[in-house]
Full PDB file with SEQRES, HELIX, SHEET, SSBOND, CRYST1, ORIGX, SCALE, CONECT and MASTER records, all heavy atoms in Angstrom:
SEQRES   1 A   39  ALA ILE GLY SER CYS THR ASN SER ARG ILE THR ASP LEU          
SEQRES   2 A   39  ARG MET ALA ALA GLU VAL PHE ARG GLY ARG ARG VAL ALA          
SEQRES   3 A   39  GLU GLY VAL ARG VAL LEU VAL VAL PRO GLY SER GLU GLU          
HELIX    1 AA1 ILE A   10  PHE A   20  1                                  11    
CRYST1    1.000    1.000    1.000  90.00  90.00  90.00 P 1           1          
ORIGX1      1.000000  0.000000  0.000000        0.00000                         
ORIGX2      0.000000  1.000000  0.000000        0.00000                         
ORIGX3      0.000000  0.000000  1.000000        0.00000                         
SCALE1      1.000000  0.000000  0.000000        0.00000                         
SCALE2      0.000000  1.000000  0.000000        0.00000                         
SCALE3      0.000000  0.000000  1.000000        0.00000                         
ATOM      1  N   ALA A   1       0.852  -1.197   0.012  1.00  0.00           N  
ATOM      2  CA  ALA A   1       0.030   0.003  -0.005  1.00  0.00           C  
ATOM      3  C   ALA A   1       0.897   1.257  -0.006  1.00  0.00           C  
ATOM      4  O   ALA A   1       1.665   1.463   0.930  1.00  0.00           O  
ATOM      5  CB  ALA A   1      -0.917   0.022   1.226  1.00  0.00           C  
ATOM      6  N   ILE A   2       0.751   2.056  -1.036  1.00  0.00           N  
ATOM      7  CA  ILE A   2       1.545   3.269  -1.232  1.00  0.00           C  
ATOM      8  C   ILE A   2       0.622   4.467  -1.146  1.00  0.00           C  
ATOM      9  O   ILE A   2      -0.240   4.609  -1.993  1.00  0.00           O  
ATOM     10  CB  ILE A   2       2.332   3.257  -2.528  1.00  0.00           C  
ATOM     11  CG1 ILE A   2       3.305   2.060  -2.525  1.00  0.00           C  
ATOM     12  CG2 ILE A   2       3.122   4.535  -2.721  1.00  0.00           C  
ATOM     13  CD1 ILE A   2       3.976   1.797  -3.896  1.00  0.00           C  
ATOM     14  N   GLY A   3       0.769   5.291  -0.094  1.00  0.00           N  
ATOM     15  CA  GLY A   3      -0.077   6.438   0.082  1.00  0.00           C  
ATOM     16  C   GLY A   3      -0.143   6.830   1.523  1.00  0.00           C  
ATOM     17  O   GLY A   3       0.883   6.774   2.193  1.00  0.00           O  
ATOM     18  N   SER A   4      -1.289   7.252   2.040  1.00  0.00           N  
ATOM     19  CA  SER A   4      -1.549   7.744   3.408  1.00  0.00           C  
ATOM     20  C   SER A   4      -1.015   9.175   3.556  1.00  0.00           C  
ATOM     21  O   SER A   4      -0.290   9.700   2.700  1.00  0.00           O  
ATOM     22  CB  SER A   4      -0.905   6.838   4.465  1.00  0.00           C  
ATOM     23  OG  SER A   4       0.446   7.191   4.729  1.00  0.00           O  
ATOM     24  N   CYS A   5      -1.349   9.788   4.670  1.00  0.00           N  
ATOM     25  CA  CYS A   5      -0.935  11.132   4.905  1.00  0.00           C  
ATOM     26  C   CYS A   5       0.561  11.255   5.142  1.00  0.00           C  
ATOM     27  O   CYS A   5       1.114  12.339   5.179  1.00  0.00           O  
ATOM     28  CB  CYS A   5      -1.689  11.781   6.079  1.00  0.00           C  
ATOM     29  SG  CYS A   5      -1.511  10.903   7.645  1.00  0.00           S  
ATOM     30  N   THR A   6       1.282  10.114   5.245  1.00  0.00           N  
ATOM     31  CA  THR A   6       2.715  10.128   5.433  1.00  0.00           C  
ATOM     32  C   THR A   6       3.475  10.170   4.132  1.00  0.00           C  
ATOM     33  O   THR A   6       4.455  10.915   4.005  1.00  0.00           O  
ATOM     34  CB  THR A   6       3.134   8.844   6.197  1.00  0.00           C  
ATOM     35  OG1 THR A   6       2.252   8.597   7.278  1.00  0.00           O  
ATOM     36  CG2 THR A   6       4.543   8.970   6.708  1.00  0.00           C  
ATOM     37  N   ASN A   7       3.006   9.452   3.122  1.00  0.00           N  
ATOM     38  CA  ASN A   7       3.786   9.292   1.903  1.00  0.00           C  
ATOM     39  C   ASN A   7       2.882   9.212   0.664  1.00  0.00           C  
ATOM     40  O   ASN A   7       2.906   8.232  -0.081  1.00  0.00           O  
ATOM     41  CB  ASN A   7       4.681   8.028   1.931  1.00  0.00           C  
ATOM     42  CG  ASN A   7       5.915   8.180   2.779  1.00  0.00           C  
ATOM     43  OD1 ASN A   7       6.057   7.522   3.788  1.00  0.00           O  
ATOM     44  ND2 ASN A   7       6.773   9.032   2.377  1.00  0.00           N  
ATOM     45  N   SER A   8       2.103  10.259   0.438  1.00  0.00           N  
ATOM     46  CA  SER A   8       1.226  10.235  -0.792  1.00  0.00           C  
ATOM     47  C   SER A   8       1.388  11.491  -1.604  1.00  0.00           C  
ATOM     48  O   SER A   8       0.570  11.833  -2.404  1.00  0.00           O  
ATOM     49  CB  SER A   8      -0.217  10.155  -0.318  1.00  0.00           C  
ATOM     50  OG  SER A   8      -0.551  11.230   0.516  1.00  0.00           O  
ATOM     51  N   ARG A   9       2.542  12.155  -1.454  1.00  0.00           N  
ATOM     52  CA  ARG A   9       2.786  13.417  -2.204  1.00  0.00           C  
ATOM     53  C   ARG A   9       3.369  13.074  -3.555  1.00  0.00           C  
ATOM     54  O   ARG A   9       3.811  11.920  -3.829  1.00  0.00           O  
ATOM     55  CB  ARG A   9       3.715  14.322  -1.380  1.00  0.00           C  
ATOM     56  CG  ARG A   9       3.054  14.704  -0.068  1.00  0.00           C  
ATOM     57  CD  ARG A   9       4.009  15.264   0.964  1.00  0.00           C  
ATOM     58  NE  ARG A   9       3.324  15.385   2.215  1.00  0.00           N  
ATOM     59  CZ  ARG A   9       3.180  14.375   3.104  1.00  0.00           C  
ATOM     60  NH1 ARG A   9       3.691  13.190   2.866  1.00  0.00           N  
ATOM     61  NH2 ARG A   9       2.485  14.569   4.233  1.00  0.00           N  
ATOM     62  N   ILE A  10       3.447  14.045  -4.431  1.00  0.00           N  
ATOM     63  CA  ILE A  10       3.874  13.769  -5.822  1.00  0.00           C  
ATOM     64  C   ILE A  10       5.303  13.211  -5.828  1.00  0.00           C  
ATOM     65  O   ILE A  10       5.640  12.322  -6.612  1.00  0.00           O  
ATOM     66  CB  ILE A  10       3.765  15.048  -6.693  1.00  0.00           C  
ATOM     67  CG1 ILE A  10       3.993  14.691  -8.171  1.00  0.00           C  
ATOM     68  CG2 ILE A  10       4.690  16.147  -6.225  1.00  0.00           C  
ATOM     69  CD1 ILE A  10       2.944  13.798  -8.760  1.00  0.00           C  
ATOM     70  N   THR A  11       6.151  13.694  -4.924  1.00  0.00           N  
ATOM     71  CA  THR A  11       7.533  13.176  -4.866  1.00  0.00           C  
ATOM     72  C   THR A  11       7.507  11.707  -4.458  1.00  0.00           C  
ATOM     73  O   THR A  11       8.392  10.909  -4.947  1.00  0.00           O  
ATOM     74  CB  THR A  11       8.340  13.992  -3.899  1.00  0.00           C  
ATOM     75  OG1 THR A  11       7.633  14.195  -2.655  1.00  0.00           O  
ATOM     76  CG2 THR A  11       8.664  15.391  -4.487  1.00  0.00           C  
ATOM     77  N   ASP A  12       6.625  11.299  -3.572  1.00  0.00           N  
ATOM     78  CA  ASP A  12       6.546   9.864  -3.161  1.00  0.00           C  
ATOM     79  C   ASP A  12       6.126   9.029  -4.328  1.00  0.00           C  
ATOM     80  O   ASP A  12       6.665   7.940  -4.528  1.00  0.00           O  
ATOM     81  CB  ASP A  12       5.545   9.728  -2.025  1.00  0.00           C  
ATOM     82  CG  ASP A  12       5.918  10.469  -0.768  1.00  0.00           C  
ATOM     83  OD1 ASP A  12       7.070  10.362  -0.351  1.00  0.00           O  
ATOM     84  OD2 ASP A  12       5.087  11.213  -0.203  1.00  0.00           O  
ATOM     85  N   LEU A  13       5.162   9.516  -5.084  1.00  0.00           N  
ATOM     86  CA  LEU A  13       4.652   8.749  -6.223  1.00  0.00           C  
ATOM     87  C   LEU A  13       5.721   8.628  -7.358  1.00  0.00           C  
ATOM     88  O   LEU A  13       5.794   7.625  -8.000  1.00  0.00           O  
ATOM     89  CB  LEU A  13       3.376   9.411  -6.767  1.00  0.00           C  
ATOM     90  CG  LEU A  13       2.168   9.482  -5.813  1.00  0.00           C  
ATOM     91  CD1 LEU A  13       0.999  10.157  -6.479  1.00  0.00           C  
ATOM     92  CD2 LEU A  13       1.833   8.121  -5.253  1.00  0.00           C  
ATOM     93  N   ARG A  14       6.466   9.701  -7.493  1.00  0.00           N  
ATOM     94  CA  ARG A  14       7.572   9.633  -8.483  1.00  0.00           C  
ATOM     95  C   ARG A  14       8.627   8.593  -8.102  1.00  0.00           C  
ATOM     96  O   ARG A  14       9.127   7.867  -8.933  1.00  0.00           O  
ATOM     97  CB  ARG A  14       8.238  11.020  -8.597  1.00  0.00           C  
ATOM     98  CG  ARG A  14       7.433  12.077  -9.309  1.00  0.00           C  
ATOM     99  CD  ARG A  14       8.082  13.427  -9.163  1.00  0.00           C  
ATOM    100  NE  ARG A  14       7.288  14.506  -9.781  1.00  0.00           N  
ATOM    101  CZ  ARG A  14       7.409  15.772  -9.446  1.00  0.00           C  
ATOM    102  NH1 ARG A  14       8.261  16.140  -8.501  1.00  0.00           N  
ATOM    103  NH2 ARG A  14       6.654  16.692 -10.056  1.00  0.00           N  
ATOM    104  N   MET A  15       8.920   8.557  -6.759  1.00  0.00           N  
ATOM    105  CA  MET A  15       9.880   7.527  -6.295  1.00  0.00           C  
ATOM    106  C   MET A  15       9.385   6.094  -6.603  1.00  0.00           C  
ATOM    107  O   MET A  15      10.133   5.265  -7.122  1.00  0.00           O  
ATOM    108  CB  MET A  15      10.132   7.687  -4.788  1.00  0.00           C  
ATOM    109  CG  MET A  15      11.083   8.819  -4.402  1.00  0.00           C  
ATOM    110  SD  MET A  15      11.543   8.730  -2.675  1.00  0.00           S  
ATOM    111  CE  MET A  15      10.056   9.295  -1.878  1.00  0.00           C  
ATOM    112  N   ALA A  16       8.107   5.877  -6.248  1.00  0.00           N  
ATOM    113  CA  ALA A  16       7.606   4.525  -6.471  1.00  0.00           C  
ATOM    114  C   ALA A  16       7.539   4.197  -7.982  1.00  0.00           C  
ATOM    115  O   ALA A  16       7.828   3.091  -8.375  1.00  0.00           O  
ATOM    116  CB  ALA A  16       6.176   4.481  -5.877  1.00  0.00           C  
ATOM    117  N   ALA A  17       7.170   5.173  -8.790  1.00  0.00           N  
ATOM    118  CA  ALA A  17       7.058   4.965 -10.250  1.00  0.00           C  
ATOM    119  C   ALA A  17       8.415   4.583 -10.827  1.00  0.00           C  
ATOM    120  O   ALA A  17       8.492   3.820 -11.768  1.00  0.00           O  
ATOM    121  CB  ALA A  17       6.489   6.228 -10.935  1.00  0.00           C  
ATOM    122  N   GLU A  18       9.503   5.175 -10.256  1.00  0.00           N  
ATOM    123  CA  GLU A  18      10.821   4.852 -10.769  1.00  0.00           C  
ATOM    124  C   GLU A  18      11.141   3.384 -10.592  1.00  0.00           C  
ATOM    125  O   GLU A  18      11.811   2.755 -11.459  1.00  0.00           O  
ATOM    126  CB  GLU A  18      11.864   5.703 -10.005  1.00  0.00           C  
ATOM    127  CG  GLU A  18      13.289   5.527 -10.486  1.00  0.00           C  
ATOM    128  CD  GLU A  18      13.454   6.103 -11.895  1.00  0.00           C  
ATOM    129  OE1 GLU A  18      12.640   6.925 -12.337  1.00  0.00           O  
ATOM    130  OE2 GLU A  18      14.439   5.695 -12.535  1.00  0.00           O  
ATOM    131  N   VAL A  19      10.634   2.760  -9.522  1.00  0.00           N  
ATOM    132  CA  VAL A  19      10.833   1.347  -9.281  1.00  0.00           C  
ATOM    133  C   VAL A  19       9.921   0.529 -10.207  1.00  0.00           C  
ATOM    134  O   VAL A  19      10.345  -0.509 -10.799  1.00  0.00           O  
ATOM    135  CB  VAL A  19      10.553   0.978  -7.821  1.00  0.00           C  
ATOM    136  CG1 VAL A  19      10.785  -0.524  -7.613  1.00  0.00           C  
ATOM    137  CG2 VAL A  19      11.452   1.783  -6.894  1.00  0.00           C  
ATOM    138  N   PHE A  20       8.677   0.951 -10.373  1.00  0.00           N  
ATOM    139  CA  PHE A  20       7.732   0.202 -11.207  1.00  0.00           C  
ATOM    140  C   PHE A  20       8.021   0.278 -12.683  1.00  0.00           C  
ATOM    141  O   PHE A  20       7.631  -0.624 -13.452  1.00  0.00           O  
ATOM    142  CB  PHE A  20       6.280   0.738 -10.952  1.00  0.00           C  
ATOM    143  CG  PHE A  20       5.660   0.256  -9.719  1.00  0.00           C  
ATOM    144  CD1 PHE A  20       5.348   1.113  -8.668  1.00  0.00           C  
ATOM    145  CD2 PHE A  20       5.327  -1.093  -9.552  1.00  0.00           C  
ATOM    146  CE1 PHE A  20       4.741   0.677  -7.513  1.00  0.00           C  
ATOM    147  CE2 PHE A  20       4.735  -1.577  -8.397  1.00  0.00           C  
ATOM    148  CZ  PHE A  20       4.438  -0.685  -7.384  1.00  0.00           C  
ATOM    149  N   ARG A  21       8.713   1.334 -13.129  1.00  0.00           N  
ATOM    150  CA  ARG A  21       8.891   1.572 -14.535  1.00  0.00           C  
ATOM    151  C   ARG A  21       9.591   0.349 -15.194  1.00  0.00           C  
ATOM    152  O   ARG A  21      10.666  -0.084 -14.839  1.00  0.00           O  
ATOM    153  CB  ARG A  21       9.760   2.786 -14.763  1.00  0.00           C  
ATOM    154  CG  ARG A  21       9.752   3.322 -16.197  1.00  0.00           C  
ATOM    155  CD  ARG A  21      10.735   4.463 -16.339  1.00  0.00           C  
ATOM    156  NE  ARG A  21      10.457   5.535 -15.373  1.00  0.00           N  
ATOM    157  CZ  ARG A  21       9.630   6.557 -15.539  1.00  0.00           C  
ATOM    158  NH1 ARG A  21       8.959   6.601 -16.717  1.00  0.00           N  
ATOM    159  NH2 ARG A  21       9.450   7.483 -14.638  1.00  0.00           N  
ATOM    160  N   GLY A  22       8.865  -0.220 -16.218  1.00  0.00           N  
ATOM    161  CA  GLY A  22       9.426  -1.382 -16.935  1.00  0.00           C  
ATOM    162  C   GLY A  22       9.348  -2.719 -16.151  1.00  0.00           C  
ATOM    163  O   GLY A  22       9.891  -3.721 -16.627  1.00  0.00           O  
ATOM    164  N   ARG A  23       8.651  -2.709 -14.997  1.00  0.00           N  
ATOM    165  CA  ARG A  23       8.549  -3.924 -14.211  1.00  0.00           C  
ATOM    166  C   ARG A  23       7.069  -4.252 -13.994  1.00  0.00           C  
ATOM    167  O   ARG A  23       6.183  -3.422 -14.210  1.00  0.00           O  
ATOM    168  CB  ARG A  23       9.236  -3.796 -12.884  1.00  0.00           C  
ATOM    169  CG  ARG A  23      10.752  -3.557 -12.972  1.00  0.00           C  
ATOM    170  CD  ARG A  23      11.378  -3.466 -11.575  1.00  0.00           C  
ATOM    171  NE  ARG A  23      12.822  -3.461 -11.648  1.00  0.00           N  
ATOM    172  CZ  ARG A  23      13.567  -2.332 -11.748  1.00  0.00           C  
ATOM    173  NH1 ARG A  23      12.938  -1.173 -11.803  1.00  0.00           N  
ATOM    174  NH2 ARG A  23      14.870  -2.387 -11.795  1.00  0.00           N  
ATOM    175  N   ARG A  24       6.820  -5.496 -13.488  1.00  0.00           N  
ATOM    176  CA  ARG A  24       5.432  -5.914 -13.235  1.00  0.00           C  
ATOM    177  C   ARG A  24       5.320  -6.272 -11.758  1.00  0.00           C  
ATOM    178  O   ARG A  24       6.262  -6.719 -11.152  1.00  0.00           O  
ATOM    179  CB  ARG A  24       5.093  -7.114 -14.050  1.00  0.00           C  
ATOM    180  CG  ARG A  24       4.903  -6.882 -15.528  1.00  0.00           C  
ATOM    181  CD  ARG A  24       3.584  -6.269 -15.835  1.00  0.00           C  
ATOM    182  NE  ARG A  24       2.437  -7.034 -15.359  1.00  0.00           N  
ATOM    183  CZ  ARG A  24       1.211  -6.647 -15.437  1.00  0.00           C  
ATOM    184  NH1 ARG A  24       0.892  -5.466 -15.875  1.00  0.00           N  
ATOM    185  NH2 ARG A  24       0.214  -7.453 -14.969  1.00  0.00           N  
ATOM    186  N   VAL A  25       4.154  -6.081 -11.187  1.00  0.00           N  
ATOM    187  CA  VAL A  25       3.817  -6.526  -9.830  1.00  0.00           C  
ATOM    188  C   VAL A  25       3.964  -8.021  -9.760  1.00  0.00           C  
ATOM    189  O   VAL A  25       3.513  -8.753 -10.702  1.00  0.00           O  
ATOM    190  CB  VAL A  25       2.404  -6.101  -9.427  1.00  0.00           C  
ATOM    191  CG1 VAL A  25       1.977  -6.749  -8.129  1.00  0.00           C  
ATOM    192  CG2 VAL A  25       2.329  -4.554  -9.302  1.00  0.00           C  
ATOM    193  N   ALA A  26       4.606  -8.536  -8.735  1.00  0.00           N  
ATOM    194  CA  ALA A  26       4.794  -9.993  -8.574  1.00  0.00           C  
ATOM    195  C   ALA A  26       3.481 -10.717  -8.450  1.00  0.00           C  
ATOM    196  O   ALA A  26       2.496 -10.187  -7.921  1.00  0.00           O  
ATOM    197  CB  ALA A  26       5.690 -10.261  -7.346  1.00  0.00           C  
ATOM    198  N   GLU A  27       3.424 -11.902  -8.945  1.00  0.00           N  
ATOM    199  CA  GLU A  27       2.212 -12.735  -8.877  1.00  0.00           C  
ATOM    200  C   GLU A  27       1.740 -12.940  -7.448  1.00  0.00           C  
ATOM    201  O   GLU A  27       2.595 -13.194  -6.557  1.00  0.00           O  
ATOM    202  CB  GLU A  27       2.489 -14.080  -9.549  1.00  0.00           C  
ATOM    203  CG  GLU A  27       1.253 -14.955  -9.668  1.00  0.00           C  
ATOM    204  CD  GLU A  27       1.497 -16.231 -10.365  1.00  0.00           C  
ATOM    205  OE1 GLU A  27       2.636 -16.454 -10.887  1.00  0.00           O  
ATOM    206  OE2 GLU A  27       0.564 -17.088 -10.428  1.00  0.00           O  
ATOM    207  N   GLY A  28       0.469 -12.742  -7.196  1.00  0.00           N  
ATOM    208  CA  GLY A  28      -0.103 -12.959  -5.885  1.00  0.00           C  
ATOM    209  C   GLY A  28      -0.021 -11.778  -4.966  1.00  0.00           C  
ATOM    210  O   GLY A  28      -0.400 -11.844  -3.786  1.00  0.00           O  
ATOM    211  N   VAL A  29       0.500 -10.595  -5.449  1.00  0.00           N  
ATOM    212  CA  VAL A  29       0.607  -9.408  -4.616  1.00  0.00           C  
ATOM    213  C   VAL A  29      -0.408  -8.391  -5.109  1.00  0.00           C  
ATOM    214  O   VAL A  29      -0.486  -8.088  -6.324  1.00  0.00           O  
ATOM    215  CB  VAL A  29       2.058  -8.807  -4.712  1.00  0.00           C  
ATOM    216  CG1 VAL A  29       2.123  -7.550  -3.782  1.00  0.00           C  
ATOM    217  CG2 VAL A  29       3.072  -9.810  -4.274  1.00  0.00           C  
ATOM    218  N   ARG A  30      -1.164  -7.856  -4.192  1.00  0.00           N  
ATOM    219  CA  ARG A  30      -2.097  -6.783  -4.486  1.00  0.00           C  
ATOM    220  C   ARG A  30      -1.420  -5.443  -4.141  1.00  0.00           C  
ATOM    221  O   ARG A  30      -0.891  -5.305  -3.013  1.00  0.00           O  
ATOM    222  CB  ARG A  30      -3.401  -6.933  -3.671  1.00  0.00           C  
ATOM    223  CG  ARG A  30      -4.428  -5.870  -3.988  1.00  0.00           C  
ATOM    224  CD  ARG A  30      -5.606  -5.995  -3.005  1.00  0.00           C  
ATOM    225  NE  ARG A  30      -6.701  -5.131  -3.390  1.00  0.00           N  
ATOM    226  CZ  ARG A  30      -7.690  -4.821  -2.568  1.00  0.00           C  
ATOM    227  NH1 ARG A  30      -7.758  -5.355  -1.341  1.00  0.00           N  
ATOM    228  NH2 ARG A  30      -8.661  -4.026  -2.993  1.00  0.00           N  
ATOM    229  N   VAL A  31      -1.473  -4.506  -5.056  1.00  0.00           N  
ATOM    230  CA  VAL A  31      -0.803  -3.227  -4.837  1.00  0.00           C  
ATOM    231  C   VAL A  31      -1.815  -2.076  -4.975  1.00  0.00           C  
ATOM    232  O   VAL A  31      -2.485  -1.963  -6.012  1.00  0.00           O  
ATOM    233  CB  VAL A  31       0.351  -3.024  -5.840  1.00  0.00           C  
ATOM    234  CG1 VAL A  31       1.040  -1.681  -5.576  1.00  0.00           C  
ATOM    235  CG2 VAL A  31       1.366  -4.171  -5.694  1.00  0.00           C  
ATOM    236  N   LEU A  32      -1.860  -1.237  -3.951  1.00  0.00           N  
ATOM    237  CA  LEU A  32      -2.740  -0.081  -3.942  1.00  0.00           C  
ATOM    238  C   LEU A  32      -1.883   1.180  -3.975  1.00  0.00           C  
ATOM    239  O   LEU A  32      -0.942   1.301  -3.206  1.00  0.00           O  
ATOM    240  CB  LEU A  32      -3.588  -0.040  -2.668  1.00  0.00           C  
ATOM    241  CG  LEU A  32      -4.238  -1.383  -2.250  1.00  0.00           C  
ATOM    242  CD1 LEU A  32      -4.970  -1.211  -0.946  1.00  0.00           C  
ATOM    243  CD2 LEU A  32      -5.230  -1.855  -3.335  1.00  0.00           C  
ATOM    244  N   VAL A  33      -2.189   2.116  -4.877  1.00  0.00           N  
ATOM    245  CA  VAL A  33      -1.480   3.394  -4.928  1.00  0.00           C  
ATOM    246  C   VAL A  33      -2.509   4.491  -4.791  1.00  0.00           C  
ATOM    247  O   VAL A  33      -3.390   4.611  -5.608  1.00  0.00           O  
ATOM    248  CB  VAL A  33      -0.676   3.569  -6.246  1.00  0.00           C  
ATOM    249  CG1 VAL A  33       0.124   4.856  -6.215  1.00  0.00           C  
ATOM    250  CG2 VAL A  33       0.238   2.364  -6.457  1.00  0.00           C  
ATOM    251  N   VAL A  34      -2.365   5.323  -3.729  1.00  0.00           N  
ATOM    252  CA  VAL A  34      -3.393   6.290  -3.402  1.00  0.00           C  
ATOM    253  C   VAL A  34      -2.766   7.695  -3.296  1.00  0.00           C  
ATOM    254  O   VAL A  34      -1.999   7.963  -2.346  1.00  0.00           O  
ATOM    255  CB  VAL A  34      -4.074   5.934  -2.059  1.00  0.00           C  
ATOM    256  CG1 VAL A  34      -5.256   6.874  -1.790  1.00  0.00           C  
ATOM    257  CG2 VAL A  34      -4.523   4.489  -2.048  1.00  0.00           C  
ATOM    258  N   PRO A  35      -3.065   8.595  -4.211  1.00  0.00           N  
ATOM    259  CA  PRO A  35      -2.538   9.946  -4.130  1.00  0.00           C  
ATOM    260  C   PRO A  35      -3.177  10.684  -2.956  1.00  0.00           C  
ATOM    261  O   PRO A  35      -4.284  10.377  -2.501  1.00  0.00           O  
ATOM    262  CB  PRO A  35      -2.964  10.581  -5.470  1.00  0.00           C  
ATOM    263  CG  PRO A  35      -4.137   9.785  -5.912  1.00  0.00           C  
ATOM    264  CD  PRO A  35      -3.927   8.403  -5.424  1.00  0.00           C  
ATOM    265  N   GLY A  36      -2.453  11.708  -2.435  1.00  0.00           N  
ATOM    266  CA  GLY A  36      -2.864  12.359  -1.218  1.00  0.00           C  
ATOM    267  C   GLY A  36      -3.919  13.401  -1.355  1.00  0.00           C  
ATOM    268  O   GLY A  36      -4.545  13.834  -0.374  1.00  0.00           O  
ATOM    269  N   SER A  37      -4.174  13.867  -2.586  1.00  0.00           N  
ATOM    270  CA  SER A  37      -5.217  14.899  -2.782  1.00  0.00           C  
ATOM    271  C   SER A  37      -5.553  14.908  -4.287  1.00  0.00           C  
ATOM    272  O   SER A  37      -4.903  14.272  -5.109  1.00  0.00           O  
ATOM    273  CB  SER A  37      -4.692  16.301  -2.414  1.00  0.00           C  
ATOM    274  OG  SER A  37      -3.637  16.715  -3.279  1.00  0.00           O  
ATOM    275  N   GLU A  38      -6.626  15.636  -4.616  1.00  0.00           N  
ATOM    276  CA  GLU A  38      -7.056  15.800  -6.010  1.00  0.00           C  
ATOM    277  C   GLU A  38      -5.926  16.496  -6.809  1.00  0.00           C  
ATOM    278  O   GLU A  38      -5.670  16.160  -7.969  1.00  0.00           O  
ATOM    279  CB  GLU A  38      -8.355  16.543  -6.116  1.00  0.00           C  
ATOM    280  CG  GLU A  38      -9.576  15.703  -5.782  1.00  0.00           C  
ATOM    281  CD  GLU A  38      -9.803  14.534  -6.743  1.00  0.00           C  
ATOM    282  OE1 GLU A  38      -9.408  14.689  -7.929  1.00  0.00           O  
ATOM    283  OE2 GLU A  38     -10.301  13.530  -6.328  1.00  0.00           O  
ATOM    284  N   GLU A  39      -5.295  17.443  -6.192  1.00  0.00           N  
ATOM    285  CA  GLU A  39      -4.229  18.176  -6.828  1.00  0.00           C  
ATOM    286  C   GLU A  39      -3.057  17.238  -7.218  1.00  0.00           C  
ATOM    287  O   GLU A  39      -2.533  17.249  -8.351  1.00  0.00           O  
ATOM    288  CB  GLU A  39      -3.726  19.305  -5.955  1.00  0.00           C  
ATOM    289  CG  GLU A  39      -2.569  20.091  -6.619  1.00  0.00           C  
ATOM    290  CD  GLU A  39      -2.017  21.187  -5.671  1.00  0.00           C  
ATOM    291  OE1 GLU A  39      -2.496  21.317  -4.510  1.00  0.00           O  
ATOM    292  OE2 GLU A  39      -1.079  21.868  -6.103  1.00  0.00           O  
TER     293      GLU A  39                                                      
MASTER        0    0    0    1    0    0    0    6  292    1    0    3          
END                                                                             
């Protein structure tokens, strides 16, 4: 789970995206990504 009021800012999402880029979520893992605001 990536988000929450601790780590859901645009910089947090950029960090996570850098890891995901060109990769796939492992089989059997559920992944939630939640931005911190509409902005």
